[in-house]
C-alpha atoms as a PDB file:
ATOM      1  CA  UNK A   1      34.864  89.296 143.308  1.00  0.00           C
ATOM      2  CA  UNK A   2      32.391  91.853 144.562  1.00  0.00           C
ATOM      3  CA  UNK A   3      33.523  95.353 145.436  1.00  0.00           C
ATOM      4  CA  UNK A   4      34.906  95.302 149.025  1.00  0.00           C
ATOM      5  CA  UNK A   5      32.803  98.315 149.922  1.00  0.00           C
ATOM      6  CA  UNK A   6      29.581  96.454 149.101  1.00  0.00           C
ATOM      7  CA  UNK A   7      30.607  93.490 151.285  1.00  0.00           C
ATOM      8  CA  UNK A   8      31.765  95.507 154.321  1.00  0.00           C
ATOM      9  CA  UNK A   9      28.898  97.641 155.575  1.00  0.00           C
ATOM     10  CA  UNK A  10      30.507  99.210 158.650  1.00  0.00           C
ATOM     11  CA  UNK A  11      32.877  98.520 161.540  1.00  0.00           C
ATOM     12  CA  UNK A  12      31.744  97.998 165.109  1.00  0.00           C
ATOM     13  CA  UNK A  13      33.420  99.795 168.029  1.00  0.00           C
ATOM     14  CA  UNK A  14      31.566  98.599 171.109  1.00  0.00           C
ATOM     15  CA  UNK A  15      33.246  97.950 174.443  1.00  0.00           C
ATOM     16  CA  UNK A  16      33.414  94.235 173.603  1.00  0.00           C
ATOM     17  CA  UNK A  17      34.961  94.823 170.171  1.00  0.00           C
ATOM     18  CA  UNK A  18      37.605  97.208 171.587  1.00  0.00           C
ATOM     19  CA  UNK A  19      38.515  94.563 174.177  1.00  0.00           C
ATOM     20  CA  UNK A  20      38.875  92.022 171.342  1.00  0.00           C
ATOM     21  CA  UNK A  21      41.144  94.446 169.454  1.00  0.00           C
ATOM     22  CA  UNK A  22      43.435  94.723 172.453  1.00  0.00           C
ATOM     23  CA  UNK A  23      43.491  91.102 173.628  1.00  0.00           C
ATOM     24  CA  UNK A  24      42.934  89.026 170.455  1.00  0.00           C
ATOM     25  CA  UNK A  25      43.987  91.399 167.622  1.00  0.00           C
ATOM     26  CA  UNK A  26      40.505  91.178 166.024  1.00  0.00           C
ATOM     27  CA  UNK A  27      38.361  93.709 164.184  1.00  0.00           C
ATOM     28  CA  UNK A  28      34.576  93.418 164.023  1.00  0.00           C
ATOM     29  CA  UNK A  29      32.436  94.368 161.017  1.00  0.00           C
ATOM     30  CA  UNK A  30      28.835  94.124 159.905  1.00  0.00           C
ATOM     31  CA  UNK A  31      28.957  92.572 156.444  1.00  0.00           C
ATOM     32  CA  UNK A  32      26.663  91.657 153.567  1.00  0.00           C
ATOM     33  CA  UNK A  33      24.563  88.678 154.640  1.00  0.00           C
ATOM     34  CA  UNK A  34      25.142  86.843 151.344  1.00  0.00           C
ATOM     35  CA  UNK A  35      28.963  87.103 151.477  1.00  0.00           C
ATOM     36  CA  UNK A  36      30.945  83.993 152.408  1.00  0.00           C
ATOM     37  CA  UNK A  37      34.070  83.924 154.580  1.00  0.00           C
ATOM     38  CA  UNK A  38      36.449  83.904 151.609  1.00  0.00           C
ATOM     39  CA  UNK A  39      34.799  87.011 150.081  1.00  0.00           C
ATOM     40  CA  UNK A  40      34.814  88.788 153.463  1.00  0.00           C
ATOM     41  CA  UNK A  41      38.505  87.978 153.990  1.00  0.00           C
ATOM     42  CA  UNK A  42      39.474  89.250 150.528  1.00  0.00           C
ATOM     43  CA  UNK A  43      37.376  92.403 150.947  1.00  0.00           C
ATOM     44  CA  UNK A  44      38.913  93.329 154.312  1.00  0.00           C
ATOM     45  CA  UNK A  45      42.449  92.609 153.080  1.00  0.00           C
ATOM     46  CA  UNK A  46      41.885  94.748 149.981  1.00  0.00           C
ATOM     47  CA  UNK A  47      40.101  97.617 151.744  1.00  0.00           C
ATOM     48  CA  UNK A  48      42.524  97.997 154.677  1.00  0.00           C
ATOM     49  CA  UNK A  49      45.740  96.536 153.231  1.00  0.00           C
ATOM     50  CA  UNK A  50      46.127  94.001 156.060  1.00  0.00           C
ATOM     51  CA  UNK A  51      46.729  90.244 156.312  1.00  0.00           C
ATOM     52  CA  UNK A  52      43.835  88.263 157.783  1.00  0.00           C
ATOM     53  CA  UNK A  53      44.585  84.989 159.588  1.00  0.00           C
ATOM     54  CA  UNK A  54      41.003  83.885 160.259  1.00  0.00           C
ATOM     55  CA  UNK A  55      37.398  84.989 159.770  1.00  0.00           C
ATOM     56  CA  UNK A  56      34.525  84.000 162.055  1.00  0.00           C
ATOM     57  CA  UNK A  57      30.960  84.981 161.210  1.00  0.00           C
ATOM     58  CA  UNK A  58      27.704  85.043 163.135  1.00  0.00           C
ATOM     59  CA  UNK A  59      24.143  85.996 162.252  1.00  0.00           C
ATOM     60  CA  UNK A  60      22.685  88.165 165.010  1.00  0.00           C
ATOM     61  CA  UNK A  61      19.104  87.746 166.245  1.00  0.00           C
ATOM     62  CA  UNK A  62      18.135  90.936 164.379  1.00  0.00           C
ATOM     63  CA  UNK A  63      19.344  89.409 161.074  1.00  0.00           C
ATOM     64  CA  UNK A  64      22.682  91.198 160.601  1.00  0.00           C
ATOM     65  CA  UNK A  65      25.849  89.273 159.780  1.00  0.00           C
ATOM     66  CA  UNK A  66      28.917  90.082 161.880  1.00  0.00           C
ATOM     67  CA  UNK A  67      32.434  89.133 160.874  1.00  0.00           C
ATOM     68  CA  UNK A  68      35.292  88.837 163.343  1.00  0.00           C
ATOM     69  CA  UNK A  69      38.602  89.229 161.504  1.00  0.00           C
ATOM     70  CA  UNK A  70      41.746  88.030 163.269  1.00  0.00           C
ATOM     71  CA  UNK A  71      44.702  90.002 161.936  1.00  0.00           C
ATOM     72  CA  UNK A  72      48.238  88.718 161.475  1.00  0.00           C
ATOM     73  CA  UNK A  73      50.552  89.497 164.435  1.00  0.00           C
ATOM     74  CA  UNK A  74      52.535  92.077 162.430  1.00  0.00           C
ATOM     75  CA  UNK A  75      49.389  94.228 162.019  1.00  0.00           C
ATOM     76  CA  UNK A  76      47.948  95.513 165.321  1.00  0.00           C
ATOM     77  CA  UNK A  77      44.154  95.851 165.176  1.00  0.00           C
ATOM     78  CA  UNK A  78      44.363  99.019 167.270  1.00  0.00           C
ATOM     79  CA  UNK A  79      46.414 100.720 164.526  1.00  0.00           C
ATOM     80  CA  UNK A  80      43.721  99.948 161.917  1.00  0.00           C
ATOM     81  CA  UNK A  81      40.969 101.060 164.313  1.00  0.00           C
ATOM     82  CA  UNK A  82      42.796 104.337 164.887  1.00  0.00           C
ATOM     83  CA  UNK A  83      43.104 104.904 161.117  1.00  0.00           C
ATOM     84  CA  UNK A  84      39.350 104.292 160.782  1.00  0.00           C
ATOM     85  CA  UNK A  85      38.615 106.748 163.604  1.00  0.00           C
ATOM     86  CA  UNK A  86      36.983 104.041 165.722  1.00  0.00           C
ATOM     87  CA  UNK A  87      39.035 104.857 168.820  1.00  0.00           C
END
């Protein structure tokens, strides 16, 4: 497996992503374009010590790859965002 810090480029804390944290328990990251969902899931779990239920990815029009990570119910996304200094 690749180093988690080469897969995860940075987290996103836009108004939309904060709303997703609160309502859907999801965190949003820009990730390495060549990484698949399994690698992204393992990298986020290893880097932040959380359990991921599901990963959705999308390639933006400007060519970046975004990953939406749905966390397990026992791990609030807002707690992780606070630790990261996002909010």
